[in-house]
């Protein structure tokens, strides 16, 4: 029961994404399309785009990541602001992560964005604050990478790709989601910042 909100988010996201795979009209109604917000005031798209995905691989990658790290963070958040507080954190992360992209493409009728990556990044980086030396396992890599090392490479790669432009991945949402996850966690529990620095200075791989 400690991960009920995380499991509920995964279940709803999987169900809505699956339905949208086979329903172009549903996909079009939920996706982040800036003119629909600017002209028709469909502000709910700032949230609904986080519950649909481009394909099964996109969905599975995000939901697997959310399952492993969200389960830990839900308990941490629930002890301080309750399970509904954790849900509010996740939903707000979807919005905050996409806002810079929306502002940049506010008049671009050709731009669309979807996926939970921004919110998942927020959860992941909140976890990294708590356990900087915890191993993170990537596909096809048999050994774990310390969480803070993964964070550095992840942020560096996302910044580089965002500046480079092109492609179908919204790297800006990853960056803003990560920043929001850390900032929200520190504002909720200021001692996290000090504890993070102390743990970082005391290497303990695997914890």
N, C-alpha and C. Protein backbone atom coordinates (compact mmCIF):
# COMPACT_ATOMS: atom_id res chain seq x y z
N UNK A 1 0.81 -1.20 0.00
CA UNK A 1 0.00 0.00 0.00
C UNK A 1 0.85 1.26 0.00
N UNK A 2 2.14 1.16 0.31
CA UNK A 2 3.00 2.34 0.38
C UNK A 2 3.21 2.98 -0.98
N UNK A 3 2.98 2.23 -2.08
CA UNK A 3 3.20 2.76 -3.42
C UNK A 3 1.91 2.90 -4.19
N UNK A 4 0.80 3.07 -3.48
CA UNK A 4 -0.51 3.06 -4.14
C UNK A 4 -0.64 4.20 -5.15
N UNK A 5 -0.12 5.38 -4.84
CA UNK A 5 -0.23 6.52 -5.76
C UNK A 5 0.62 6.27 -6.99
N UNK A 6 1.84 5.80 -6.79
CA UNK A 6 2.72 5.50 -7.93
C UNK A 6 2.08 4.46 -8.84
N UNK A 7 1.54 3.40 -8.25
CA UNK A 7 0.89 2.36 -9.05
C UNK A 7 -0.34 2.89 -9.77
N UNK A 8 -1.08 3.78 -9.11
CA UNK A 8 -2.26 4.37 -9.74
C UNK A 8 -1.85 5.24 -10.93
N UNK A 9 -0.80 6.02 -10.77
CA UNK A 9 -0.31 6.86 -11.87
C UNK A 9 0.11 5.99 -13.05
N UNK A 10 0.85 4.92 -12.75
CA UNK A 10 1.30 4.01 -13.80
C UNK A 10 0.10 3.38 -14.49
N UNK A 11 -0.87 2.93 -13.71
CA UNK A 11 -2.05 2.29 -14.29
C UNK A 11 -2.83 3.23 -15.20
N UNK A 12 -3.09 4.44 -14.73
CA UNK A 12 -3.84 5.42 -15.53
C UNK A 12 -3.06 5.80 -16.78
N UNK A 13 -1.77 6.02 -16.62
CA UNK A 13 -0.94 6.41 -17.77
C UNK A 13 -0.90 5.31 -18.81
N UNK A 14 -0.73 4.07 -18.36
CA UNK A 14 -0.70 2.94 -19.30
C UNK A 14 -2.03 2.79 -20.03
N UNK A 15 -3.13 2.94 -19.29
CA UNK A 15 -4.45 2.78 -19.89
C UNK A 15 -4.73 3.88 -20.91
N UNK A 16 -4.47 5.12 -20.53
CA UNK A 16 -4.74 6.24 -21.44
C UNK A 16 -3.81 6.17 -22.66
N UNK A 17 -2.54 5.85 -22.44
CA UNK A 17 -1.60 5.73 -23.56
C UNK A 17 -2.03 4.64 -24.52
N UNK A 18 -2.43 3.50 -23.97
CA UNK A 18 -2.88 2.38 -24.80
C UNK A 18 -4.10 2.77 -25.64
N UNK A 19 -5.03 3.45 -25.01
CA UNK A 19 -6.22 3.89 -25.74
C UNK A 19 -5.84 4.87 -26.84
N UNK A 20 -4.92 5.76 -26.56
CA UNK A 20 -4.51 6.77 -27.54
C UNK A 20 -3.72 6.16 -28.70
N UNK A 21 -3.04 5.03 -28.45
CA UNK A 21 -2.31 4.37 -29.54
C UNK A 21 -3.25 4.04 -30.70
N UNK A 22 -4.46 3.66 -30.37
CA UNK A 22 -5.42 3.21 -31.37
C UNK A 22 -6.54 4.21 -31.64
N UNK A 23 -6.40 5.40 -31.09
CA UNK A 23 -7.45 6.40 -31.23
C UNK A 23 -6.81 7.75 -31.54
N UNK A 24 -6.61 8.07 -32.81
CA UNK A 24 -5.96 9.33 -33.19
C UNK A 24 -6.70 10.56 -32.66
N UNK A 25 -8.03 10.47 -32.56
CA UNK A 25 -8.80 11.61 -32.06
C UNK A 25 -8.49 11.88 -30.58
N UNK A 26 -8.37 10.80 -29.80
CA UNK A 26 -8.03 10.95 -28.39
C UNK A 26 -6.62 11.52 -28.24
N UNK A 27 -5.70 10.99 -29.02
CA UNK A 27 -4.32 11.48 -28.99
C UNK A 27 -4.28 12.98 -29.30
N UNK A 28 -4.99 13.37 -30.35
CA UNK A 28 -5.01 14.78 -30.75
C UNK A 28 -5.61 15.67 -29.68
N UNK A 29 -6.57 15.15 -28.93
CA UNK A 29 -7.23 15.96 -27.89
C UNK A 29 -6.37 16.12 -26.64
N UNK A 30 -5.50 15.15 -26.36
CA UNK A 30 -4.72 15.18 -25.13
C UNK A 30 -3.30 15.74 -25.30
N UNK A 31 -2.77 15.68 -26.50
CA UNK A 31 -1.39 16.06 -26.74
C UNK A 31 -1.17 17.55 -26.49
N UNK A 32 0.06 17.93 -26.15
CA UNK A 32 0.37 19.34 -26.01
C UNK A 32 0.51 19.95 -27.40
N UNK A 33 -0.47 20.76 -27.78
CA UNK A 33 -0.46 21.49 -29.04
C UNK A 33 -0.66 22.96 -28.69
N UNK A 34 0.37 23.77 -28.70
CA UNK A 34 0.30 25.14 -28.19
C UNK A 34 -0.88 25.97 -28.70
N UNK A 35 -1.22 25.94 -30.00
CA UNK A 35 -2.36 26.77 -30.45
C UNK A 35 -3.67 26.43 -29.76
N UNK A 36 -3.86 25.16 -29.37
CA UNK A 36 -5.10 24.78 -28.68
C UNK A 36 -5.19 25.44 -27.32
N UNK A 37 -4.04 25.67 -26.70
CA UNK A 37 -4.01 26.35 -25.41
C UNK A 37 -4.15 27.85 -25.61
N UNK A 38 -3.41 28.38 -26.56
CA UNK A 38 -3.38 29.82 -26.80
C UNK A 38 -4.71 30.34 -27.35
N UNK A 39 -5.30 29.60 -28.29
CA UNK A 39 -6.51 30.07 -28.96
C UNK A 39 -7.79 29.58 -28.30
N UNK A 40 -7.78 28.34 -27.86
CA UNK A 40 -9.01 27.73 -27.35
C UNK A 40 -9.00 27.55 -25.83
N UNK A 41 -7.93 27.98 -25.18
CA UNK A 41 -7.82 27.94 -23.72
C UNK A 41 -7.98 26.53 -23.15
N UNK A 42 -7.43 25.55 -23.85
CA UNK A 42 -7.48 24.16 -23.38
C UNK A 42 -6.26 23.89 -22.49
N UNK A 43 -6.26 24.54 -21.34
CA UNK A 43 -5.09 24.49 -20.45
C UNK A 43 -4.85 23.09 -19.88
N UNK A 44 -5.87 22.25 -19.91
CA UNK A 44 -5.68 20.89 -19.39
C UNK A 44 -4.64 20.11 -20.17
N UNK A 45 -4.34 20.55 -21.38
CA UNK A 45 -3.32 19.87 -22.19
C UNK A 45 -1.94 19.94 -21.54
N UNK A 46 -1.72 20.94 -20.70
CA UNK A 46 -0.45 21.05 -19.99
C UNK A 46 -0.24 19.86 -19.04
N UNK A 47 -1.34 19.19 -18.68
CA UNK A 47 -1.28 18.00 -17.83
C UNK A 47 -1.50 16.73 -18.65
N UNK A 48 -2.51 16.74 -19.52
CA UNK A 48 -2.90 15.50 -20.21
C UNK A 48 -1.81 14.95 -21.13
N UNK A 49 -0.94 15.81 -21.62
CA UNK A 49 0.12 15.31 -22.51
C UNK A 49 1.05 14.34 -21.78
N UNK A 50 1.07 14.44 -20.44
CA UNK A 50 1.92 13.56 -19.64
C UNK A 50 1.35 12.17 -19.44
N UNK A 51 0.15 11.93 -19.95
CA UNK A 51 -0.47 10.61 -19.80
C UNK A 51 -0.60 9.87 -21.12
N UNK A 52 0.04 10.39 -22.17
CA UNK A 52 0.07 9.70 -23.46
C UNK A 52 1.51 9.59 -23.93
N UNK A 53 1.79 8.59 -24.76
CA UNK A 53 3.15 8.33 -25.22
C UNK A 53 3.18 8.00 -26.70
N UNK A 54 4.37 8.11 -27.26
CA UNK A 54 4.52 7.92 -28.70
C UNK A 54 4.37 6.45 -29.11
N UNK A 55 4.88 5.54 -28.27
CA UNK A 55 4.81 4.12 -28.57
C UNK A 55 5.02 3.33 -27.29
N UNK A 56 4.98 1.99 -27.41
CA UNK A 56 5.12 1.14 -26.23
C UNK A 56 6.48 1.29 -25.56
N UNK A 57 7.55 1.43 -26.35
CA UNK A 57 8.88 1.57 -25.76
C UNK A 57 8.98 2.84 -24.93
N UNK A 58 8.44 3.93 -25.48
CA UNK A 58 8.42 5.20 -24.77
C UNK A 58 7.66 5.06 -23.45
N UNK A 59 6.52 4.43 -23.49
CA UNK A 59 5.69 4.21 -22.30
C UNK A 59 6.41 3.32 -21.29
N UNK A 60 6.94 2.19 -21.74
CA UNK A 60 7.58 1.25 -20.83
C UNK A 60 8.79 1.86 -20.14
N UNK A 61 9.59 2.59 -20.87
CA UNK A 61 10.80 3.20 -20.28
C UNK A 61 10.41 4.16 -19.16
N UNK A 62 9.43 5.01 -19.43
CA UNK A 62 9.01 5.98 -18.41
C UNK A 62 8.36 5.31 -17.21
N UNK A 63 7.51 4.32 -17.46
CA UNK A 63 6.79 3.70 -16.35
C UNK A 63 7.68 2.78 -15.50
N UNK A 64 8.63 2.12 -16.12
CA UNK A 64 9.57 1.30 -15.35
C UNK A 64 10.41 2.19 -14.44
N UNK A 65 10.88 3.29 -14.99
CA UNK A 65 11.66 4.24 -14.19
C UNK A 65 10.82 4.80 -13.04
N UNK A 66 9.58 5.17 -13.34
CA UNK A 66 8.70 5.70 -12.30
C UNK A 66 8.42 4.66 -11.23
N UNK A 67 8.26 3.42 -11.61
CA UNK A 67 7.97 2.37 -10.64
C UNK A 67 9.09 2.23 -9.61
N UNK A 68 10.32 2.15 -10.09
CA UNK A 68 11.44 1.90 -9.18
C UNK A 68 11.75 3.11 -8.29
N UNK A 69 11.74 4.29 -8.85
CA UNK A 69 12.11 5.47 -8.06
C UNK A 69 10.90 6.13 -7.42
N UNK A 70 9.75 6.05 -8.07
CA UNK A 70 8.54 6.62 -7.49
C UNK A 70 8.11 5.91 -6.23
N UNK A 71 8.34 4.61 -6.16
CA UNK A 71 7.97 3.84 -4.97
C UNK A 71 8.72 4.35 -3.74
N UNK A 72 9.99 4.70 -3.91
CA UNK A 72 10.78 5.24 -2.80
C UNK A 72 10.34 6.65 -2.46
N UNK A 73 10.17 7.47 -3.51
CA UNK A 73 9.86 8.88 -3.26
C UNK A 73 8.45 9.06 -2.72
N UNK A 74 7.53 8.20 -3.10
CA UNK A 74 6.17 8.31 -2.57
C UNK A 74 6.18 8.18 -1.04
N UNK A 75 6.92 7.23 -0.53
CA UNK A 75 6.99 7.04 0.92
C UNK A 75 7.62 8.27 1.58
N UNK A 76 8.69 8.79 0.97
CA UNK A 76 9.38 9.96 1.52
C UNK A 76 8.44 11.17 1.56
N UNK A 77 7.73 11.40 0.46
CA UNK A 77 6.82 12.54 0.38
C UNK A 77 5.62 12.34 1.30
N UNK A 78 5.08 11.13 1.31
CA UNK A 78 3.88 10.86 2.09
C UNK A 78 4.10 11.11 3.58
N UNK A 79 5.30 10.84 4.06
CA UNK A 79 5.61 11.05 5.48
C UNK A 79 5.63 12.54 5.83
N UNK A 80 5.75 13.40 4.83
CA UNK A 80 5.87 14.84 5.08
C UNK A 80 4.66 15.64 4.62
N UNK A 81 4.12 15.32 3.44
CA UNK A 81 2.99 16.09 2.92
C UNK A 81 1.82 15.20 2.52
N UNK A 82 1.92 13.92 2.83
CA UNK A 82 0.82 13.00 2.54
C UNK A 82 0.86 12.46 1.12
N UNK A 83 0.09 11.41 0.89
CA UNK A 83 0.06 10.77 -0.43
C UNK A 83 -0.49 11.73 -1.49
N UNK A 84 -1.48 12.53 -1.12
CA UNK A 84 -2.03 13.50 -2.06
C UNK A 84 -1.00 14.59 -2.39
N UNK A 85 -0.14 14.88 -1.43
CA UNK A 85 0.94 15.84 -1.68
C UNK A 85 1.91 15.30 -2.72
N UNK A 86 2.19 14.01 -2.64
CA UNK A 86 3.06 13.38 -3.63
C UNK A 86 2.40 13.41 -5.00
N UNK A 87 1.10 13.14 -5.06
CA UNK A 87 0.38 13.21 -6.33
C UNK A 87 0.42 14.63 -6.90
N UNK A 88 0.23 15.62 -6.03
CA UNK A 88 0.29 17.01 -6.48
C UNK A 88 1.68 17.34 -7.02
N UNK A 89 2.71 16.83 -6.36
CA UNK A 89 4.08 17.02 -6.84
C UNK A 89 4.24 16.46 -8.25
N UNK A 90 3.77 15.25 -8.47
CA UNK A 90 3.92 14.61 -9.78
C UNK A 90 3.16 15.39 -10.86
N UNK A 91 1.91 15.75 -10.59
CA UNK A 91 1.11 16.46 -11.58
C UNK A 91 1.69 17.85 -11.87
N UNK A 92 2.14 18.51 -10.82
CA UNK A 92 2.74 19.84 -11.04
C UNK A 92 4.06 19.73 -11.81
N UNK A 93 4.77 18.62 -11.62
CA UNK A 93 6.02 18.42 -12.36
C UNK A 93 5.76 18.30 -13.86
N UNK A 94 4.64 17.65 -14.23
CA UNK A 94 4.27 17.56 -15.64
C UNK A 94 4.14 18.96 -16.23
N UNK A 95 3.47 19.85 -15.48
CA UNK A 95 3.22 21.20 -15.96
C UNK A 95 4.50 22.03 -15.99
N UNK A 96 5.23 22.04 -14.89
CA UNK A 96 6.44 22.86 -14.80
C UNK A 96 7.46 22.45 -15.85
N UNK A 97 7.62 21.15 -16.07
CA UNK A 97 8.62 20.67 -17.03
C UNK A 97 8.31 21.11 -18.46
N UNK A 98 7.03 21.25 -18.78
CA UNK A 98 6.66 21.57 -20.16
C UNK A 98 6.48 23.06 -20.40
N UNK A 99 6.35 23.87 -19.35
CA UNK A 99 6.07 25.30 -19.53
C UNK A 99 7.11 26.03 -20.40
N UNK A 100 8.42 25.84 -20.20
CA UNK A 100 9.37 26.53 -21.07
C UNK A 100 9.20 26.14 -22.55
N UNK A 101 8.91 24.87 -22.79
CA UNK A 101 8.67 24.42 -24.16
C UNK A 101 7.42 25.08 -24.73
N UNK A 102 6.38 25.14 -23.94
CA UNK A 102 5.14 25.77 -24.39
C UNK A 102 5.38 27.24 -24.72
N UNK A 103 6.09 27.94 -23.86
CA UNK A 103 6.35 29.35 -24.10
C UNK A 103 7.19 29.56 -25.36
N UNK A 104 8.12 28.65 -25.60
CA UNK A 104 8.98 28.76 -26.77
C UNK A 104 8.21 28.50 -28.07
N UNK A 105 7.23 27.61 -28.01
CA UNK A 105 6.49 27.22 -29.22
C UNK A 105 5.04 27.69 -29.18
N UNK A 106 4.78 28.73 -28.41
CA UNK A 106 3.40 29.17 -28.20
C UNK A 106 2.67 29.52 -29.50
N UNK A 107 3.39 29.97 -30.49
CA UNK A 107 2.77 30.34 -31.76
C UNK A 107 3.06 29.34 -32.87
N UNK A 108 3.62 28.21 -32.51
CA UNK A 108 4.04 27.21 -33.51
C UNK A 108 2.95 26.15 -33.67
N UNK A 109 2.22 26.24 -34.77
CA UNK A 109 1.12 25.29 -35.00
C UNK A 109 1.61 23.91 -35.39
N UNK A 110 2.91 23.79 -35.69
CA UNK A 110 3.46 22.50 -36.11
C UNK A 110 4.07 21.71 -34.95
N UNK A 111 4.13 22.34 -33.77
CA UNK A 111 4.79 21.68 -32.65
C UNK A 111 3.80 20.88 -31.81
N UNK A 112 4.23 19.69 -31.40
CA UNK A 112 3.45 18.84 -30.50
C UNK A 112 4.41 18.13 -29.54
N UNK A 113 3.94 17.84 -28.34
CA UNK A 113 4.77 17.14 -27.36
C UNK A 113 3.90 16.23 -26.51
N UNK A 114 4.46 15.11 -26.10
CA UNK A 114 3.73 14.16 -25.27
C UNK A 114 4.71 13.33 -24.46
N UNK A 115 4.19 12.71 -23.41
CA UNK A 115 5.02 11.83 -22.59
C UNK A 115 5.21 12.33 -21.17
N UNK A 116 5.52 11.40 -20.28
CA UNK A 116 5.67 11.69 -18.85
C UNK A 116 7.12 11.94 -18.45
N UNK A 117 8.01 12.10 -19.43
CA UNK A 117 9.44 12.18 -19.12
C UNK A 117 9.80 13.31 -18.17
N UNK A 118 9.15 14.47 -18.31
CA UNK A 118 9.47 15.58 -17.42
C UNK A 118 9.16 15.27 -15.97
N UNK A 119 7.99 14.70 -15.71
CA UNK A 119 7.60 14.34 -14.35
C UNK A 119 8.46 13.20 -13.82
N UNK A 120 8.77 12.23 -14.67
CA UNK A 120 9.62 11.11 -14.26
C UNK A 120 11.02 11.62 -13.89
N UNK A 121 11.53 12.59 -14.65
CA UNK A 121 12.83 13.19 -14.33
C UNK A 121 12.78 13.87 -12.96
N UNK A 122 11.65 14.51 -12.65
CA UNK A 122 11.51 15.16 -11.34
C UNK A 122 11.60 14.13 -10.22
N UNK A 123 10.93 13.01 -10.38
CA UNK A 123 10.96 11.94 -9.38
C UNK A 123 12.36 11.36 -9.28
N UNK A 124 12.99 11.10 -10.41
CA UNK A 124 14.32 10.51 -10.43
C UNK A 124 15.35 11.40 -9.73
N UNK A 125 15.32 12.69 -10.02
CA UNK A 125 16.33 13.58 -9.44
C UNK A 125 16.04 13.89 -7.98
N UNK A 126 14.79 13.81 -7.58
CA UNK A 126 14.49 13.91 -6.15
C UNK A 126 15.11 12.72 -5.42
N UNK A 127 15.04 11.54 -6.04
CA UNK A 127 15.65 10.34 -5.47
C UNK A 127 17.17 10.49 -5.37
N UNK A 128 17.78 11.05 -6.42
CA UNK A 128 19.24 11.21 -6.43
C UNK A 128 19.71 12.11 -5.29
N UNK A 129 18.89 13.10 -4.92
CA UNK A 129 19.23 13.94 -3.78
C UNK A 129 19.31 13.12 -2.49
N UNK A 130 18.44 12.13 -2.37
CA UNK A 130 18.40 11.32 -1.16
C UNK A 130 19.50 10.26 -1.13
N UNK A 131 19.84 9.74 -2.31
CA UNK A 131 20.79 8.62 -2.36
C UNK A 131 21.76 8.80 -3.53
N UNK A 132 22.71 9.73 -3.40
CA UNK A 132 23.61 10.03 -4.52
C UNK A 132 24.52 8.89 -4.94
N UNK A 133 24.74 7.94 -4.04
CA UNK A 133 25.62 6.81 -4.37
C UNK A 133 24.85 5.54 -4.75
N UNK A 134 23.54 5.61 -4.75
CA UNK A 134 22.75 4.43 -5.12
C UNK A 134 23.04 4.05 -6.57
N UNK A 135 23.15 2.75 -6.86
CA UNK A 135 23.43 2.34 -8.24
C UNK A 135 22.20 2.48 -9.13
N UNK A 136 22.41 3.02 -10.31
CA UNK A 136 21.36 3.11 -11.33
C UNK A 136 21.79 2.25 -12.50
N UNK A 137 20.93 1.32 -12.87
CA UNK A 137 21.24 0.38 -13.94
C UNK A 137 20.58 0.82 -15.24
N UNK A 138 21.37 0.87 -16.29
CA UNK A 138 20.87 1.23 -17.61
C UNK A 138 20.79 0.00 -18.49
N UNK A 139 19.96 0.07 -19.50
CA UNK A 139 19.82 -1.06 -20.42
C UNK A 139 21.17 -1.40 -21.05
N UNK A 140 21.47 -2.70 -21.09
CA UNK A 140 22.66 -3.25 -21.74
C UNK A 140 23.95 -2.97 -20.97
N UNK A 141 23.88 -2.30 -19.81
CA UNK A 141 25.07 -2.06 -18.98
C UNK A 141 24.94 -2.92 -17.73
N UNK A 142 25.83 -3.91 -17.55
CA UNK A 142 25.66 -4.89 -16.47
C UNK A 142 25.97 -4.37 -15.07
N UNK A 143 26.64 -3.23 -14.95
CA UNK A 143 26.98 -2.72 -13.63
C UNK A 143 26.23 -1.41 -13.37
N UNK A 144 25.99 -1.14 -12.09
CA UNK A 144 25.28 0.07 -11.72
C UNK A 144 26.18 1.29 -11.77
N UNK A 145 25.61 2.42 -12.10
CA UNK A 145 26.32 3.70 -12.13
C UNK A 145 25.87 4.51 -10.92
N UNK A 146 26.81 5.08 -10.15
CA UNK A 146 26.38 5.91 -9.01
C UNK A 146 25.39 6.97 -9.47
N UNK A 147 24.36 7.18 -8.68
CA UNK A 147 23.26 8.05 -9.10
C UNK A 147 23.72 9.45 -9.47
N UNK A 148 24.64 10.04 -8.69
CA UNK A 148 25.05 11.40 -8.99
C UNK A 148 25.89 11.46 -10.26
N UNK A 149 26.63 10.40 -10.57
CA UNK A 149 27.39 10.34 -11.83
C UNK A 149 26.42 10.27 -13.01
N UNK A 150 25.40 9.43 -12.86
CA UNK A 150 24.36 9.36 -13.88
C UNK A 150 23.72 10.73 -14.08
N UNK A 151 23.46 11.44 -12.96
CA UNK A 151 22.82 12.75 -13.04
C UNK A 151 23.67 13.73 -13.84
N UNK A 152 24.99 13.72 -13.61
CA UNK A 152 25.87 14.63 -14.32
C UNK A 152 25.85 14.36 -15.82
N UNK A 153 25.96 13.09 -16.19
CA UNK A 153 25.93 12.74 -17.62
C UNK A 153 24.57 13.05 -18.22
N UNK A 154 23.52 12.75 -17.49
CA UNK A 154 22.15 12.99 -17.97
C UNK A 154 21.92 14.46 -18.23
N UNK A 155 22.32 15.31 -17.28
CA UNK A 155 22.13 16.74 -17.43
C UNK A 155 22.98 17.29 -18.56
N UNK A 156 24.24 16.85 -18.62
CA UNK A 156 25.12 17.32 -19.68
C UNK A 156 24.62 16.95 -21.06
N UNK A 157 24.19 15.71 -21.20
CA UNK A 157 23.67 15.25 -22.48
C UNK A 157 22.39 16.00 -22.86
N UNK A 158 21.50 16.20 -21.89
CA UNK A 158 20.24 16.88 -22.16
C UNK A 158 20.47 18.34 -22.57
N UNK A 159 21.41 19.02 -21.89
CA UNK A 159 21.73 20.40 -22.25
C UNK A 159 22.29 20.47 -23.66
N UNK A 160 23.21 19.56 -23.96
CA UNK A 160 23.82 19.54 -25.29
C UNK A 160 22.79 19.27 -26.38
N UNK A 161 21.94 18.30 -26.16
CA UNK A 161 20.93 17.96 -27.16
C UNK A 161 19.88 19.06 -27.29
N UNK A 162 19.54 19.71 -26.18
CA UNK A 162 18.55 20.78 -26.24
C UNK A 162 19.09 21.96 -27.06
N UNK A 163 20.36 22.28 -26.88
CA UNK A 163 20.96 23.37 -27.65
C UNK A 163 21.15 22.98 -29.11
N UNK A 164 21.42 21.73 -29.33
CA UNK A 164 21.62 21.25 -30.70
C UNK A 164 20.32 21.29 -31.49
N UNK A 165 19.21 20.95 -30.83
CA UNK A 165 17.91 20.97 -31.48
C UNK A 165 17.71 19.77 -32.38
N UNK A 166 16.52 19.67 -32.95
CA UNK A 166 16.22 18.55 -33.83
C UNK A 166 15.81 17.32 -33.03
N UNK A 167 15.35 16.30 -33.72
CA UNK A 167 14.94 15.07 -33.06
C UNK A 167 13.55 15.18 -32.48
N UNK A 168 13.08 14.08 -31.91
CA UNK A 168 11.72 14.03 -31.39
C UNK A 168 11.65 13.99 -29.87
N UNK A 169 12.80 14.13 -29.20
CA UNK A 169 12.84 14.06 -27.74
C UNK A 169 12.89 15.47 -27.16
N UNK A 170 12.03 15.74 -26.19
CA UNK A 170 11.97 17.05 -25.56
C UNK A 170 12.96 17.09 -24.40
N UNK A 171 14.22 17.42 -24.70
CA UNK A 171 15.25 17.44 -23.67
C UNK A 171 15.04 18.59 -22.69
N UNK A 172 14.41 19.66 -23.14
CA UNK A 172 14.11 20.77 -22.23
C UNK A 172 13.23 20.32 -21.08
N UNK A 173 12.23 19.49 -21.38
CA UNK A 173 11.34 18.99 -20.32
C UNK A 173 12.11 18.13 -19.32
N UNK A 174 13.08 17.37 -19.80
CA UNK A 174 13.90 16.56 -18.90
C UNK A 174 14.65 17.46 -17.92
N UNK A 175 15.23 18.53 -18.44
CA UNK A 175 16.04 19.44 -17.62
C UNK A 175 15.18 20.17 -16.59
N UNK A 176 14.06 20.74 -17.04
CA UNK A 176 13.21 21.47 -16.12
C UNK A 176 12.54 20.55 -15.11
N UNK A 177 12.22 19.35 -15.54
CA UNK A 177 11.66 18.38 -14.61
C UNK A 177 12.66 18.01 -13.52
N UNK A 178 13.91 17.78 -13.93
CA UNK A 178 14.96 17.45 -12.97
C UNK A 178 15.16 18.58 -11.97
N UNK A 179 15.24 19.81 -12.48
CA UNK A 179 15.43 20.97 -11.61
C UNK A 179 14.26 21.14 -10.64
N UNK A 180 13.06 20.94 -11.14
CA UNK A 180 11.87 21.09 -10.28
C UNK A 180 11.84 20.01 -9.20
N UNK A 181 12.19 18.78 -9.57
CA UNK A 181 12.20 17.71 -8.59
C UNK A 181 13.13 17.98 -7.44
N UNK A 182 14.32 18.50 -7.74
CA UNK A 182 15.28 18.81 -6.68
C UNK A 182 14.84 20.01 -5.86
N UNK A 183 14.36 21.06 -6.54
CA UNK A 183 13.96 22.27 -5.83
C UNK A 183 12.76 22.01 -4.92
N UNK A 184 11.78 21.29 -5.42
CA UNK A 184 10.59 20.98 -4.62
C UNK A 184 10.98 20.19 -3.37
N UNK A 185 11.86 19.21 -3.55
CA UNK A 185 12.27 18.36 -2.43
C UNK A 185 13.01 19.15 -1.37
N UNK A 186 13.91 20.04 -1.80
CA UNK A 186 14.67 20.85 -0.85
C UNK A 186 13.77 21.84 -0.13
N UNK A 187 12.81 22.42 -0.86
CA UNK A 187 11.89 23.37 -0.21
C UNK A 187 10.98 22.65 0.79
N UNK A 188 10.61 21.43 0.48
CA UNK A 188 9.77 20.65 1.38
C UNK A 188 10.55 20.20 2.62
N UNK A 189 11.82 19.79 2.40
CA UNK A 189 12.66 19.29 3.48
C UNK A 189 14.06 19.86 3.30
N UNK A 190 14.33 21.08 3.83
CA UNK A 190 15.61 21.76 3.61
C UNK A 190 16.83 20.94 4.01
N UNK A 191 16.68 20.06 4.99
CA UNK A 191 17.83 19.26 5.44
C UNK A 191 18.35 18.34 4.36
N UNK A 192 17.55 18.09 3.33
CA UNK A 192 17.97 17.21 2.24
C UNK A 192 19.23 17.72 1.57
N UNK A 193 19.35 19.04 1.40
CA UNK A 193 20.51 19.61 0.72
C UNK A 193 21.79 19.34 1.50
N UNK A 194 21.75 19.56 2.81
CA UNK A 194 22.92 19.31 3.64
C UNK A 194 23.26 17.82 3.67
N UNK A 195 22.25 16.99 3.79
CA UNK A 195 22.47 15.55 3.83
C UNK A 195 23.05 15.06 2.52
N UNK A 196 22.59 15.62 1.42
CA UNK A 196 23.11 15.25 0.11
C UNK A 196 24.61 15.53 0.02
N UNK A 197 25.04 16.71 0.44
CA UNK A 197 26.46 17.06 0.39
C UNK A 197 27.29 16.17 1.31
N UNK A 198 26.74 15.85 2.48
CA UNK A 198 27.45 14.98 3.41
C UNK A 198 27.62 13.58 2.83
N UNK A 199 26.57 13.05 2.24
CA UNK A 199 26.64 11.72 1.65
C UNK A 199 27.54 11.70 0.43
N UNK A 200 27.53 12.79 -0.32
CA UNK A 200 28.36 12.87 -1.52
C UNK A 200 29.85 12.84 -1.13
N UNK A 201 30.16 13.41 0.01
CA UNK A 201 31.56 13.48 0.48
C UNK A 201 32.00 12.16 1.13
N UNK A 202 31.07 11.25 1.34
CA UNK A 202 31.39 9.97 1.96
C UNK A 202 30.96 8.83 1.03
N UNK A 203 31.81 8.51 0.06
CA UNK A 203 31.43 7.49 -0.92
C UNK A 203 30.99 6.19 -0.27
N UNK A 204 29.83 5.74 -0.67
CA UNK A 204 29.27 4.48 -0.16
C UNK A 204 28.44 3.86 -1.26
N UNK A 205 29.12 3.34 -2.27
CA UNK A 205 28.42 2.84 -3.45
C UNK A 205 27.47 1.72 -3.07
N UNK A 206 26.25 1.86 -3.53
CA UNK A 206 25.24 0.86 -3.26
C UNK A 206 24.25 1.28 -2.21
N UNK A 207 24.40 2.53 -1.67
CA UNK A 207 23.47 3.00 -0.63
C UNK A 207 23.04 4.43 -0.91
